[in-house]
N, C-alpha and C. Protein backbone atom coordinates (compact mmCIF):
# COMPACT_ATOMS: atom_id res chain seq x y z
N MET A 1 1.17 -1.36 0.25
CA MET A 1 0.09 -0.11 0.03
C MET A 1 0.63 1.19 0.06
N ALA A 2 0.44 2.22 -0.88
CA ALA A 2 0.94 3.70 -0.86
C ALA A 2 1.47 4.34 0.20
N PRO A 3 2.51 5.08 0.34
CA PRO A 3 2.20 5.96 1.78
C PRO A 3 1.13 7.22 1.31
N GLU A 4 0.68 7.73 2.27
CA GLU A 4 -0.48 8.69 2.24
C GLU A 4 0.65 9.97 1.38
N ARG A 5 -0.21 10.48 0.83
CA ARG A 5 0.70 11.97 0.34
C ARG A 5 -0.22 12.98 0.63
N LEU A 6 0.70 13.49 0.38
CA LEU A 6 0.10 15.73 1.19
C LEU A 6 -1.00 16.17 1.11
N PRO A 7 -1.69 16.39 1.63
CA PRO A 7 -3.01 17.85 1.36
C PRO A 7 -2.37 18.76 0.43
N ARG A 8 -3.44 19.30 -0.31
CA ARG A 8 -2.71 20.65 -1.33
C ARG A 8 -2.79 21.44 -0.49
N ASP A 9 -2.77 21.82 0.88
CA ASP A 9 -2.58 23.04 1.43
C ASP A 9 -0.91 22.65 2.22
N ALA A 10 -0.33 21.31 2.37
CA ALA A 10 1.11 22.10 2.73
C ALA A 10 1.68 21.93 1.57
N ILE A 11 1.28 21.26 -0.20
CA ILE A 11 1.87 21.67 -1.21
C ILE A 11 2.33 22.91 -0.90
N VAL A 12 1.12 23.70 -1.23
CA VAL A 12 1.04 24.97 -1.50
C VAL A 12 1.76 25.97 -0.23
N LYS A 13 1.86 25.24 1.41
CA LYS A 13 2.77 25.78 1.95
C LYS A 13 4.09 25.55 1.71
N ARG A 14 4.48 24.77 1.36
CA ARG A 14 5.87 24.70 0.89
C ARG A 14 6.33 25.45 0.28
N VAL A 15 5.72 25.59 -1.21
CA VAL A 15 6.04 26.71 -2.06
C VAL A 15 6.21 28.12 -1.72
N ALA A 16 5.29 28.91 -0.47
CA ALA A 16 5.23 29.58 -0.03
C ALA A 16 6.86 29.72 0.95
N ALA A 17 7.27 28.55 1.44
CA ALA A 17 8.31 28.50 2.55
C ALA A 17 9.94 29.06 0.99
N GLU A 18 9.29 28.82 -0.30
CA GLU A 18 10.46 28.94 -0.81
C GLU A 18 10.32 30.70 -1.17
N LEU A 19 9.57 31.45 -1.27
CA LEU A 19 9.71 32.79 -1.76
C LEU A 19 10.39 33.60 -0.92
N SER A 20 11.25 34.63 -1.12
CA SER A 20 11.87 35.43 -0.46
C SER A 20 11.13 36.81 -0.05
N HIS A 21 11.40 37.35 1.09
CA HIS A 21 11.15 38.82 1.66
C HIS A 21 11.24 39.68 0.13
N GLY A 22 10.34 40.32 0.06
CA GLY A 22 10.36 41.27 -1.24
C GLY A 22 9.87 40.90 -2.42
N ASP A 23 10.27 39.64 -2.72
CA ASP A 23 9.48 39.00 -4.21
C ASP A 23 8.37 39.66 -4.49
N TYR A 24 8.26 39.81 -5.66
CA TYR A 24 7.26 40.21 -6.98
C TYR A 24 7.05 38.32 -7.10
N VAL A 25 5.50 37.96 -7.14
CA VAL A 25 5.71 37.17 -7.37
C VAL A 25 3.88 36.61 -8.15
N ASN A 26 3.80 36.56 -9.28
CA ASN A 26 2.44 35.99 -10.03
C ASN A 26 2.11 34.69 -9.59
N LEU A 27 0.74 34.27 -9.38
CA LEU A 27 0.50 32.92 -9.15
C LEU A 27 -0.66 32.58 -10.22
N GLY A 28 -0.70 31.51 -10.54
CA GLY A 28 -1.57 30.65 -11.51
C GLY A 28 -2.87 30.33 -11.43
N VAL A 29 -3.85 30.40 -12.30
CA VAL A 29 -5.09 29.70 -11.52
C VAL A 29 -5.17 28.32 -10.73
N GLY A 30 -6.03 28.24 -10.06
CA GLY A 30 -6.07 27.11 -9.14
C GLY A 30 -5.42 26.90 -7.95
N LEU A 31 -4.97 25.83 -8.02
CA LEU A 31 -3.68 25.44 -6.82
C LEU A 31 -2.38 26.19 -6.68
N PRO A 32 -2.14 26.80 -7.22
CA PRO A 32 -0.76 28.12 -6.92
C PRO A 32 -1.84 29.28 -6.28
N MET A 33 -2.76 29.93 -6.65
CA MET A 33 -3.85 31.13 -5.95
C MET A 33 -3.84 30.14 -4.40
N LEU A 34 -3.31 29.47 -4.03
CA LEU A 34 -3.61 29.38 -2.71
C LEU A 34 -2.13 29.33 -1.48
N VAL A 35 -1.15 29.97 -2.36
CA VAL A 35 0.47 30.10 -1.79
C VAL A 35 -0.16 31.31 -1.28
N ALA A 36 -0.63 32.78 -2.04
CA ALA A 36 -0.64 33.84 -1.20
C ALA A 36 -1.32 33.66 0.70
N GLY A 37 -2.11 32.60 0.83
CA GLY A 37 -2.39 32.56 2.21
C GLY A 37 -1.74 31.60 2.91
N HIS A 38 -0.27 31.45 2.99
CA HIS A 38 0.58 30.89 3.29
C HIS A 38 1.61 31.38 3.48
N VAL A 39 2.17 32.59 3.42
CA VAL A 39 3.07 33.40 3.16
C VAL A 39 2.70 34.23 4.48
N THR A 40 3.72 34.20 6.02
CA THR A 40 3.21 34.72 6.89
C THR A 40 4.48 35.75 7.44
N PRO A 41 3.59 37.03 8.37
CA PRO A 41 5.12 37.92 8.63
C PRO A 41 5.84 37.56 9.21
N PRO A 42 7.28 37.58 9.25
CA PRO A 42 7.31 38.89 8.97
C PRO A 42 7.85 38.81 7.62
N LYS A 43 7.61 37.80 6.81
CA LYS A 43 8.41 38.02 5.73
C LYS A 43 6.93 38.16 4.62
N GLN A 44 7.30 39.74 3.57
CA GLN A 44 6.38 39.57 3.18
C GLN A 44 6.44 39.46 1.57
N VAL A 45 5.40 39.03 0.66
CA VAL A 45 5.77 38.90 -1.10
C VAL A 45 4.52 40.12 -1.34
N VAL A 46 4.70 40.68 -2.59
CA VAL A 46 3.93 41.04 -3.35
C VAL A 46 3.22 40.32 -4.31
N PHE A 47 1.99 40.43 -4.06
CA PHE A 47 0.95 39.25 -5.72
C PHE A 47 0.80 40.12 -6.63
N HIS A 48 1.42 39.56 -7.53
CA HIS A 48 0.98 40.40 -8.97
C HIS A 48 -0.09 39.34 -10.23
N ALA A 49 -1.37 40.03 -10.25
CA ALA A 49 -2.34 39.59 -11.29
C ALA A 49 -2.49 39.50 -13.08
N GLU A 50 -2.30 39.12 -13.79
CA GLU A 50 -1.90 39.82 -15.37
C GLU A 50 -3.40 40.12 -15.47
N ASN A 51 -4.36 40.37 -14.78
CA ASN A 51 -5.50 41.36 -14.99
C ASN A 51 -5.42 42.14 -14.44
N GLY A 52 -4.68 42.68 -13.77
CA GLY A 52 -3.88 44.27 -13.38
C GLY A 52 -3.67 44.31 -11.82
N ILE A 53 -3.30 43.87 -11.40
CA ILE A 53 -3.28 44.36 -9.93
C ILE A 53 -2.05 43.86 -9.28
N LEU A 54 -1.54 44.97 -8.43
CA LEU A 54 -0.44 44.13 -7.58
C LEU A 54 -0.29 44.45 -6.32
N GLY A 55 -0.46 43.65 -5.69
CA GLY A 55 -0.37 43.98 -4.04
C GLY A 55 -2.24 43.01 -3.55
N PHE A 56 -1.93 42.13 -3.42
CA PHE A 56 -3.46 41.69 -2.83
C PHE A 56 -3.13 40.23 -1.84
N LEU A 57 -3.80 39.94 -1.39
CA LEU A 57 -4.13 38.64 -0.75
C LEU A 57 -5.64 37.99 -0.67
N PRO A 58 -5.88 36.86 -0.19
CA PRO A 58 -7.49 36.02 -0.48
C PRO A 58 -7.96 37.29 0.16
N THR A 59 -9.29 37.15 0.05
CA THR A 59 -10.55 37.75 0.57
C THR A 59 -10.56 36.68 1.90
N ALA A 60 -10.44 37.59 3.08
CA ALA A 60 -10.43 36.74 4.72
C ALA A 60 -12.23 36.80 4.59
N ASP A 61 -12.81 37.77 4.03
CA ASP A 61 -14.20 37.74 4.71
C ASP A 61 -15.33 37.91 3.49
N PRO A 62 -16.04 36.85 2.69
CA PRO A 62 -16.17 36.79 1.55
C PRO A 62 -17.71 37.61 1.58
N ALA A 63 -18.20 37.98 2.93
CA ALA A 63 -19.55 38.76 3.05
C ALA A 63 -19.17 40.35 2.83
N ASN A 64 -18.14 40.68 2.67
CA ASN A 64 -17.34 42.08 2.73
C ASN A 64 -16.42 42.18 1.14
N GLN A 65 -16.74 41.29 0.24
CA GLN A 65 -15.49 41.45 -0.69
C GLN A 65 -16.42 42.18 -1.76
N ASP A 66 -14.94 42.76 -2.36
CA ASP A 66 -15.46 44.22 -3.31
C ASP A 66 -15.57 43.28 -4.29
N PRO A 67 -16.74 42.96 -4.97
CA PRO A 67 -17.35 42.39 -6.17
C PRO A 67 -16.01 43.02 -7.85
N ASP A 68 -15.39 43.98 -7.72
CA ASP A 68 -14.87 44.42 -8.84
C ASP A 68 -13.39 44.20 -8.61
N VAL A 69 -13.15 43.77 -7.45
CA VAL A 69 -11.65 43.42 -6.93
C VAL A 69 -11.71 41.80 -6.76
N PHE A 70 -10.90 41.42 -7.84
CA PHE A 70 -10.86 40.06 -8.16
C PHE A 70 -9.25 39.60 -8.99
N ASP A 71 -8.63 38.73 -9.30
CA ASP A 71 -7.77 37.95 -9.83
C ASP A 71 -7.67 37.08 -10.73
N ALA A 72 -6.72 36.91 -11.68
CA ALA A 72 -6.56 36.20 -13.12
C ALA A 72 -7.94 34.93 -12.74
N GLY A 73 -8.26 35.09 -12.09
CA GLY A 73 -9.02 33.17 -12.12
C GLY A 73 -10.31 34.17 -11.38
N PHE A 74 -10.62 34.86 -11.61
CA PHE A 74 -12.10 36.20 -11.00
C PHE A 74 -12.31 35.29 -9.58
N ARG A 75 -10.71 35.25 -9.10
CA ARG A 75 -11.25 34.68 -7.07
C ARG A 75 -11.28 36.35 -6.37
N PRO A 76 -12.18 36.58 -5.80
CA PRO A 76 -11.81 37.74 -5.26
C PRO A 76 -10.83 37.98 -4.02
N VAL A 77 -10.24 38.87 -4.40
CA VAL A 77 -8.95 39.45 -3.48
C VAL A 77 -9.09 40.84 -2.43
N SER A 78 -8.48 40.76 -1.92
CA SER A 78 -8.05 42.09 -1.37
C SER A 78 -7.53 43.05 -1.42
N LEU A 79 -7.37 44.06 -1.82
CA LEU A 79 -5.95 44.71 -1.83
C LEU A 79 -5.16 45.15 -0.57
N VAL A 80 -3.88 45.29 -0.60
CA VAL A 80 -3.01 45.53 0.66
C VAL A 80 -2.80 47.25 0.13
N LEU A 81 -2.01 47.63 1.56
CA LEU A 81 -1.63 48.90 1.55
C LEU A 81 -0.73 49.05 0.52
N GLY A 82 -0.77 49.85 -0.15
CA GLY A 82 -0.05 50.71 -1.37
C GLY A 82 -0.50 49.56 -2.60
N ALA A 83 -1.52 49.00 -2.80
CA ALA A 83 -1.49 48.12 -4.16
C ALA A 83 -1.76 48.76 -5.27
N ALA A 84 -1.53 48.39 -6.54
CA ALA A 84 -1.81 49.23 -8.14
C ALA A 84 -2.53 48.10 -8.73
N ALA A 85 -3.13 49.60 -8.80
CA ALA A 85 -4.51 48.70 -10.25
C ALA A 85 -4.21 48.79 -11.70
N PHE A 86 -4.11 48.70 -13.18
CA PHE A 86 -3.69 49.12 -14.23
C PHE A 86 -3.99 48.34 -15.37
N ASP A 87 -3.89 48.71 -16.36
CA ASP A 87 -4.43 47.76 -17.90
C ASP A 87 -4.03 46.78 -17.67
N GLY A 88 -4.43 46.39 -19.04
CA GLY A 88 -3.74 44.53 -19.43
C GLY A 88 -2.00 45.04 -20.55
N PRO A 89 -2.21 45.68 -20.88
CA PRO A 89 -0.47 46.55 -21.35
C PRO A 89 0.06 46.74 -20.57
N ALA A 90 0.29 47.09 -18.83
CA ALA A 90 0.94 47.67 -17.98
C ALA A 90 1.03 46.88 -17.40
N SER A 91 0.50 45.56 -17.30
CA SER A 91 0.59 43.91 -16.61
C SER A 91 1.70 43.08 -17.08
N PHE A 92 1.36 43.51 -18.44
CA PHE A 92 1.95 41.87 -19.77
C PHE A 92 3.80 42.93 -19.38
N ALA A 93 3.49 44.53 -19.51
CA ALA A 93 5.16 44.95 -19.72
C ALA A 93 5.65 44.91 -18.58
N ILE A 94 5.06 44.26 -17.26
CA ILE A 94 5.95 44.13 -16.06
C ILE A 94 6.25 42.57 -16.25
N ILE A 95 5.73 41.78 -16.90
CA ILE A 95 5.77 40.15 -16.71
C ILE A 95 6.78 40.10 -17.79
N ARG A 96 6.61 41.19 -19.12
CA ARG A 96 7.57 40.59 -20.24
C ARG A 96 9.03 41.70 -19.98
N GLY A 97 8.82 42.41 -19.15
CA GLY A 97 10.18 42.78 -18.84
C GLY A 97 11.07 42.58 -17.71
N ARG A 98 10.19 41.15 -17.15
CA ARG A 98 11.59 40.29 -16.11
C ARG A 98 11.49 40.90 -15.14
N HIS A 99 10.26 41.78 -14.98
CA HIS A 99 10.13 42.30 -13.17
C HIS A 99 9.67 41.11 -12.31
N LEU A 100 9.29 40.78 -12.72
CA LEU A 100 8.46 39.39 -11.30
C LEU A 100 9.67 38.23 -11.16
N ASP A 101 9.75 37.76 -9.97
CA ASP A 101 10.64 37.75 -9.12
C ASP A 101 10.45 35.74 -9.43
N ALA A 102 9.30 35.80 -9.47
CA ALA A 102 8.94 34.01 -9.36
C ALA A 102 7.66 33.87 -9.84
N ALA A 103 7.18 33.22 -10.30
CA ALA A 103 5.56 32.82 -10.97
C ALA A 103 5.55 31.13 -9.64
N VAL A 104 4.34 30.87 -9.75
CA VAL A 104 3.84 29.60 -9.20
C VAL A 104 2.82 29.08 -10.28
N LEU A 105 2.78 28.36 -10.88
CA LEU A 105 1.76 27.83 -12.12
C LEU A 105 1.52 26.25 -11.90
N GLY A 106 0.64 25.82 -12.05
CA GLY A 106 -0.16 24.79 -12.11
C GLY A 106 0.59 24.01 -13.63
N GLY A 107 0.51 22.33 -13.47
CA GLY A 107 0.99 22.21 -14.37
C GLY A 107 -0.16 20.62 -14.88
N LEU A 108 0.33 20.34 -16.18
CA LEU A 108 -0.57 18.83 -16.35
C LEU A 108 1.17 17.87 -16.82
N GLN A 109 1.73 18.76 -17.35
CA GLN A 109 2.80 18.40 -17.46
C GLN A 109 4.19 18.77 -17.17
N VAL A 110 5.29 18.00 -16.48
CA VAL A 110 7.09 18.88 -16.72
C VAL A 110 7.72 17.83 -17.20
N SER A 111 8.69 18.28 -18.12
CA SER A 111 9.18 17.72 -18.96
C SER A 111 10.93 17.33 -18.09
N GLU A 112 11.85 16.17 -17.86
CA GLU A 112 13.45 16.65 -17.51
C GLU A 112 13.72 17.31 -17.22
N ALA A 113 13.34 18.17 -18.90
CA ALA A 113 14.58 19.40 -19.37
C ALA A 113 13.47 20.80 -18.71
N GLY A 114 12.53 20.61 -18.27
CA GLY A 114 11.64 21.66 -17.95
C GLY A 114 11.12 22.71 -18.24
N ASP A 115 10.50 21.92 -19.61
CA ASP A 115 9.40 22.37 -20.09
C ASP A 115 7.99 21.71 -19.70
N LEU A 116 7.28 23.22 -19.48
CA LEU A 116 5.75 23.07 -19.02
C LEU A 116 4.75 22.92 -19.81
N ALA A 117 3.73 22.08 -19.59
CA ALA A 117 2.67 21.89 -20.36
C ALA A 117 1.56 21.87 -19.80
N ASN A 118 0.70 23.16 -20.01
CA ASN A 118 -0.46 23.16 -18.44
C ASN A 118 -1.59 23.82 -19.21
N TRP A 119 -1.79 24.30 -20.42
CA TRP A 119 -2.87 24.97 -20.51
C TRP A 119 -4.02 23.98 -21.28
N MET A 120 -3.77 22.73 -21.70
CA MET A 120 -4.68 21.80 -22.84
C MET A 120 -4.67 20.25 -22.75
N ARG A 121 -5.63 19.50 -22.56
CA ARG A 121 -5.28 18.18 -22.42
C ARG A 121 -6.18 17.86 -24.34
N PRO A 122 -5.14 17.05 -25.00
CA PRO A 122 -5.24 17.17 -26.39
C PRO A 122 -6.67 15.38 -26.46
N ASP A 123 -6.84 15.12 -25.24
CA ASP A 123 -8.16 14.11 -25.28
C ASP A 123 -9.60 15.18 -24.91
N ARG A 124 -9.37 16.20 -24.16
CA ARG A 124 -10.36 17.07 -24.46
C ARG A 124 -10.30 18.38 -24.98
N GLY A 125 -9.23 18.54 -25.75
CA GLY A 125 -9.81 19.82 -27.33
C GLY A 125 -10.20 21.22 -27.26
N VAL A 126 -10.26 21.23 -26.03
CA VAL A 126 -10.53 22.75 -24.96
C VAL A 126 -9.26 23.01 -23.96
N GLY A 127 -8.86 24.40 -24.37
CA GLY A 127 -7.80 25.17 -23.27
C GLY A 127 -8.03 26.37 -23.82
N SER A 128 -7.26 27.21 -22.99
CA SER A 128 -6.91 28.71 -23.30
C SER A 128 -4.93 28.42 -22.75
N VAL A 129 -4.49 29.13 -23.19
CA VAL A 129 -3.40 29.31 -22.71
C VAL A 129 -2.84 30.46 -21.76
N GLY A 130 -3.77 31.54 -22.28
CA GLY A 130 -4.03 33.03 -21.34
C GLY A 130 -3.00 33.69 -21.18
N GLY A 131 -2.48 33.75 -20.11
CA GLY A 131 -0.81 34.63 -20.31
C GLY A 131 0.27 33.29 -19.66
N ALA A 132 -0.33 32.03 -19.34
CA ALA A 132 1.02 31.51 -18.92
C ALA A 132 2.28 30.98 -19.76
N ALA A 133 2.10 31.62 -21.11
CA ALA A 133 3.46 31.65 -21.87
C ALA A 133 4.40 32.64 -21.46
N ASP A 134 3.72 33.74 -21.42
CA ASP A 134 4.44 34.85 -20.82
C ASP A 134 5.14 34.65 -19.68
N ILE A 135 4.38 34.60 -19.00
CA ILE A 135 4.47 35.05 -17.34
C ILE A 135 5.55 33.12 -16.93
N ALA A 136 5.64 32.33 -17.67
CA ALA A 136 6.61 31.42 -17.56
C ALA A 136 8.51 31.48 -18.61
N ARG A 137 8.05 32.41 -19.35
CA ARG A 137 9.14 32.74 -19.86
C ARG A 137 9.88 34.15 -19.28
N GLY A 138 8.86 35.15 -18.53
CA GLY A 138 8.99 36.09 -17.76
C GLY A 138 9.69 36.34 -16.96
N ALA A 139 9.26 35.32 -15.96
CA ALA A 139 9.53 35.33 -14.43
C ALA A 139 11.07 34.80 -14.33
N ARG A 140 11.63 35.06 -13.55
CA ARG A 140 13.07 34.84 -13.28
C ARG A 140 13.09 33.61 -12.66
N ARG A 141 11.64 33.11 -11.51
CA ARG A 141 12.24 31.87 -11.53
C ARG A 141 10.35 30.83 -11.54
N VAL A 142 10.23 30.26 -12.20
CA VAL A 142 8.77 29.46 -12.18
C VAL A 142 9.03 28.50 -11.35
N TYR A 143 8.01 27.96 -10.57
CA TYR A 143 8.07 26.76 -9.65
C TYR A 143 6.68 25.90 -9.98
N VAL A 144 6.17 25.05 -10.04
CA VAL A 144 5.20 24.62 -10.64
C VAL A 144 4.53 23.70 -9.63
N ALA A 145 3.61 23.53 -9.06
CA ALA A 145 2.49 23.04 -7.99
C ALA A 145 1.61 22.13 -8.44
N MET A 146 1.55 21.19 -8.38
CA MET A 146 0.81 20.05 -8.92
C MET A 146 0.81 18.83 -8.22
N GLU A 147 -0.21 17.98 -8.46
CA GLU A 147 -0.39 16.81 -7.83
C GLU A 147 0.88 15.97 -8.98
N HIS A 148 1.71 14.92 -8.37
CA HIS A 148 2.37 13.75 -9.04
C HIS A 148 1.98 13.20 -9.94
N THR A 149 0.71 12.80 -9.77
CA THR A 149 -0.04 11.77 -10.73
C THR A 149 -1.14 12.29 -11.32
N THR A 150 -1.68 11.69 -12.74
CA THR A 150 -3.19 12.18 -12.86
C THR A 150 -4.02 10.78 -11.88
N ARG A 151 -5.28 11.36 -11.62
CA ARG A 151 -6.10 10.71 -10.56
C ARG A 151 -6.37 9.56 -11.13
N ASP A 152 -6.06 8.82 -12.17
CA ASP A 152 -6.06 7.14 -12.65
C ASP A 152 -4.49 6.99 -13.02
N GLY A 153 -3.58 7.69 -11.66
CA GLY A 153 -1.95 7.07 -12.02
C GLY A 153 -1.24 7.81 -13.23
N GLY A 154 -1.59 8.50 -14.05
CA GLY A 154 -0.67 8.46 -15.30
C GLY A 154 0.12 9.41 -14.65
N LEU A 155 1.55 9.69 -15.78
CA LEU A 155 2.65 10.62 -15.21
C LEU A 155 2.13 11.49 -15.42
N ARG A 156 2.76 12.83 -14.67
CA ARG A 156 2.90 13.67 -15.08
C ARG A 156 4.01 14.46 -14.81
N ILE A 157 5.45 14.02 -14.12
CA ILE A 157 6.59 14.27 -14.37
C ILE A 157 6.98 13.46 -15.61
N VAL A 158 7.70 13.89 -17.09
CA VAL A 158 7.88 12.61 -17.93
C VAL A 158 9.15 13.27 -18.68
N ARG A 159 9.57 12.29 -19.36
CA ARG A 159 10.83 12.65 -20.06
C ARG A 159 10.49 14.24 -20.80
N SER A 160 9.55 13.71 -21.83
CA SER A 160 8.93 14.34 -22.84
C SER A 160 7.04 15.01 -22.83
N CYS A 161 7.49 15.97 -22.96
CA CYS A 161 5.89 16.24 -22.84
C CYS A 161 4.85 15.73 -23.91
N SER A 162 3.72 14.90 -24.02
CA SER A 162 2.65 15.05 -24.98
C SER A 162 2.21 15.81 -25.02
N TYR A 163 2.18 16.14 -24.24
CA TYR A 163 0.73 17.87 -24.19
C TYR A 163 1.94 18.88 -24.61
N PRO A 164 0.80 19.99 -25.05
CA PRO A 164 0.88 21.44 -26.06
C PRO A 164 1.92 22.20 -25.01
N LEU A 165 2.88 22.35 -25.39
CA LEU A 165 3.95 23.67 -24.51
C LEU A 165 2.91 24.85 -24.28
N THR A 166 3.59 25.00 -22.98
CA THR A 166 3.44 26.73 -22.47
C THR A 166 4.92 27.06 -22.77
N ALA A 167 5.78 26.39 -22.36
CA ALA A 167 7.05 27.12 -22.79
C ALA A 167 8.38 25.77 -22.16
N ILE A 168 9.04 26.35 -22.73
CA ILE A 168 9.96 25.89 -23.06
C ILE A 168 11.63 25.28 -22.03
N ARG A 169 12.23 24.64 -21.48
CA ARG A 169 13.13 24.85 -20.66
C ARG A 169 12.51 26.34 -19.58
N ALA A 170 11.08 25.84 -19.01
CA ALA A 170 11.29 27.52 -18.07
C ALA A 170 11.49 26.58 -16.51
N VAL A 171 10.84 25.76 -15.92
CA VAL A 171 10.40 25.40 -15.31
C VAL A 171 12.11 25.43 -14.18
N ASP A 172 12.14 25.69 -12.89
CA ASP A 172 13.19 25.40 -11.76
C ASP A 172 12.78 24.76 -10.64
N ALA A 173 11.66 24.41 -10.33
CA ALA A 173 11.07 23.42 -9.32
C ALA A 173 9.68 22.98 -9.30
N ILE A 174 10.03 21.65 -8.91
CA ILE A 174 8.54 21.20 -9.36
C ILE A 174 7.65 20.49 -7.85
N PHE A 175 6.96 21.42 -7.28
CA PHE A 175 6.36 21.01 -6.02
C PHE A 175 5.13 19.83 -6.21
N THR A 176 5.17 19.03 -5.60
CA THR A 176 3.96 17.94 -5.82
C THR A 176 3.75 17.38 -4.42
N ASP A 177 2.72 16.66 -4.45
CA ASP A 177 2.20 16.15 -2.65
C ASP A 177 3.34 15.25 -2.52
N VAL A 178 4.11 14.54 -3.19
CA VAL A 178 4.70 13.59 -2.93
C VAL A 178 6.33 14.10 -2.80
N ALA A 179 6.74 15.37 -3.29
CA ALA A 179 7.91 15.19 -3.32
C ALA A 179 8.49 16.91 -4.08
N LEU A 180 9.77 17.39 -3.47
CA LEU A 180 10.23 18.57 -4.67
C LEU A 180 11.32 18.17 -4.83
N ILE A 181 11.13 18.32 -6.71
CA ILE A 181 12.18 18.35 -7.65
C ILE A 181 12.70 19.27 -7.81
N ARG A 182 14.08 19.88 -7.63
CA ARG A 182 14.55 21.12 -8.84
C ARG A 182 15.30 19.64 -10.15
N VAL A 183 15.07 21.46 -11.36
CA VAL A 183 15.12 21.17 -12.23
C VAL A 183 16.62 21.60 -12.63
N THR A 184 17.58 20.71 -12.90
CA THR A 184 18.80 21.23 -13.38
C THR A 184 19.14 20.99 -14.72
N GLY A 185 20.60 21.55 -15.11
CA GLY A 185 21.22 21.50 -16.41
C GLY A 185 21.63 19.63 -16.38
N THR A 186 21.64 19.56 -15.51
CA THR A 186 22.19 17.68 -15.76
C THR A 186 20.49 16.65 -15.71
N GLY A 187 19.26 17.37 -15.07
CA GLY A 187 18.82 16.74 -15.34
C GLY A 187 17.60 16.97 -13.47
N LEU A 188 17.21 16.10 -13.50
CA LEU A 188 15.64 16.04 -12.35
C LEU A 188 16.63 15.60 -11.01
N VAL A 189 16.81 16.73 -9.51
CA VAL A 189 17.18 16.33 -8.47
C VAL A 189 16.07 16.22 -7.51
N LEU A 190 16.04 14.76 -7.00
CA LEU A 190 15.09 14.55 -5.81
C LEU A 190 15.60 15.52 -4.24
N GLU A 191 15.05 16.44 -3.71
CA GLU A 191 15.50 17.25 -2.41
C GLU A 191 14.84 17.31 -1.32
N GLU A 192 13.48 16.74 -1.38
CA GLU A 192 12.91 16.49 -0.01
C GLU A 192 11.47 15.05 -0.77
N VAL A 193 11.01 14.26 -0.10
CA VAL A 193 10.18 13.36 0.08
C VAL A 193 9.57 13.63 1.31
N ALA A 194 7.43 13.58 0.90
CA ALA A 194 7.17 13.16 1.79
C ALA A 194 6.54 12.35 2.63
N PRO A 195 6.73 12.71 4.38
CA PRO A 195 6.44 11.50 5.04
C PRO A 195 6.23 10.16 4.71
N GLY A 196 6.78 9.18 5.21
CA GLY A 196 6.79 7.72 4.78
C GLY A 196 7.39 7.45 3.41
N TRP A 197 7.69 8.26 2.47
CA TRP A 197 7.87 8.07 1.04
C TRP A 197 9.56 7.62 0.96
N THR A 198 9.64 6.85 -0.01
CA THR A 198 11.40 6.92 0.02
C THR A 198 11.32 7.50 -1.38
N ALA A 199 12.96 7.16 -2.39
CA ALA A 199 13.11 7.70 -2.66
C ALA A 199 13.07 7.02 -3.95
N ASP A 200 12.95 5.74 -4.27
CA ASP A 200 12.71 4.98 -4.62
C ASP A 200 10.98 4.52 -5.20
N GLU A 201 9.68 4.85 -4.20
CA GLU A 201 8.95 5.20 -4.66
C GLU A 201 8.64 6.22 -5.36
N VAL A 202 8.96 7.49 -5.15
CA VAL A 202 9.15 8.90 -5.94
C VAL A 202 9.46 7.96 -7.39
N GLN A 203 10.46 7.58 -7.22
CA GLN A 203 11.24 7.52 -8.86
C GLN A 203 10.09 6.21 -9.33
N ALA A 204 8.80 5.68 -8.27
CA ALA A 204 8.34 4.83 -9.86
C ALA A 204 7.73 5.30 -10.16
N ILE A 205 6.84 6.78 -9.67
CA ILE A 205 5.86 7.50 -10.58
C ILE A 205 6.25 8.30 -11.02
N THR A 206 7.83 8.88 -11.62
CA THR A 206 8.23 9.21 -11.98
C THR A 206 9.38 8.65 -13.45
N GLU A 207 8.71 9.41 -14.60
CA GLU A 207 9.48 8.65 -15.79
C GLU A 207 10.57 9.34 -16.04
N PRO A 208 11.32 10.01 -15.60
CA PRO A 208 12.68 10.52 -15.89
C PRO A 208 13.57 10.25 -14.88
N PRO A 209 14.66 9.43 -14.68
CA PRO A 209 15.57 9.34 -13.59
C PRO A 209 15.96 10.64 -12.78
N LEU A 210 15.88 9.99 -11.91
CA LEU A 210 15.46 11.39 -10.68
C LEU A 210 17.47 10.86 -9.95
N THR A 211 18.13 11.79 -9.65
CA THR A 211 19.40 12.25 -8.78
C THR A 211 18.66 12.59 -7.28
N VAL A 212 18.83 11.39 -6.61
CA VAL A 212 18.80 11.82 -4.83
C VAL A 212 20.03 12.57 -4.08
N SER A 213 19.54 13.51 -3.69
CA SER A 213 20.49 14.65 -3.45
C SER A 213 20.82 14.15 -2.15
N PRO A 214 22.43 14.69 -1.81
CA PRO A 214 22.66 13.79 -0.67
C PRO A 214 22.01 14.14 0.75
N ASP A 215 21.47 15.35 0.72
CA ASP A 215 20.80 16.25 1.95
C ASP A 215 19.06 15.40 1.30
N LEU A 216 18.79 14.62 1.20
CA LEU A 216 17.79 14.39 0.98
C LEU A 216 16.84 14.24 2.12
N ARG A 217 16.06 15.34 2.46
CA ARG A 217 14.72 15.82 3.99
C ARG A 217 13.57 15.54 3.47
N GLU A 218 13.22 15.39 4.67
CA GLU A 218 11.14 15.26 4.84
C GLU A 218 10.49 16.39 4.75
N LEU A 219 9.42 16.19 3.32
CA LEU A 219 8.69 17.72 3.38
C LEU A 219 7.93 18.01 4.83
N PRO A 220 8.08 18.75 4.88
CA PRO A 220 6.78 19.31 6.22
C PRO A 220 5.48 19.14 5.55
N ALA A 221 4.89 17.88 6.51
CA ALA A 221 3.14 17.97 6.21
C ALA A 221 2.02 18.77 6.48
């Protein structure tokens, strides 16, 4: 019987710990959006949404939310002191000008070279890349937060992506419900595993070979 996997909150909490004080960070739709709720003082991170917001947090009280203030995933958010709102061209100037320190994106597949596919599943035949292609190329660091496999056990960390690509050689690290894997110039490095998991068990559900870090440690639950 396979060991228990980490819950979604544990994945995003580990991503939040990776961010540095003062970072400007874009959060993708879905699981990455939860990262904002796990950055705690004294660390301060400025979150960016490509629809034109710089400086927001998840709305704590939905009853008092402003219906005109939401992120790129149409999730209500609250502006922080000093926040800015602007149009789409200005927002993408921030992205394309490489002013984002990091981006946290969801993933359907990530290759051993750091290629990212996250906008369409061919079996469904529909999808929208949105701003993800620009963000994946414009952010200085790109973190992918996702479940390690599909619901039916299909592999998501693969030798080569079979889904339409979002960006080539863009991903720096993959955060999943069983592991933290760094993408390096010489391949994938397994740095952390979920409690109860071994490197061999992670390798069994990962297509490319993993190099196990000599400092392999346990992910916080």
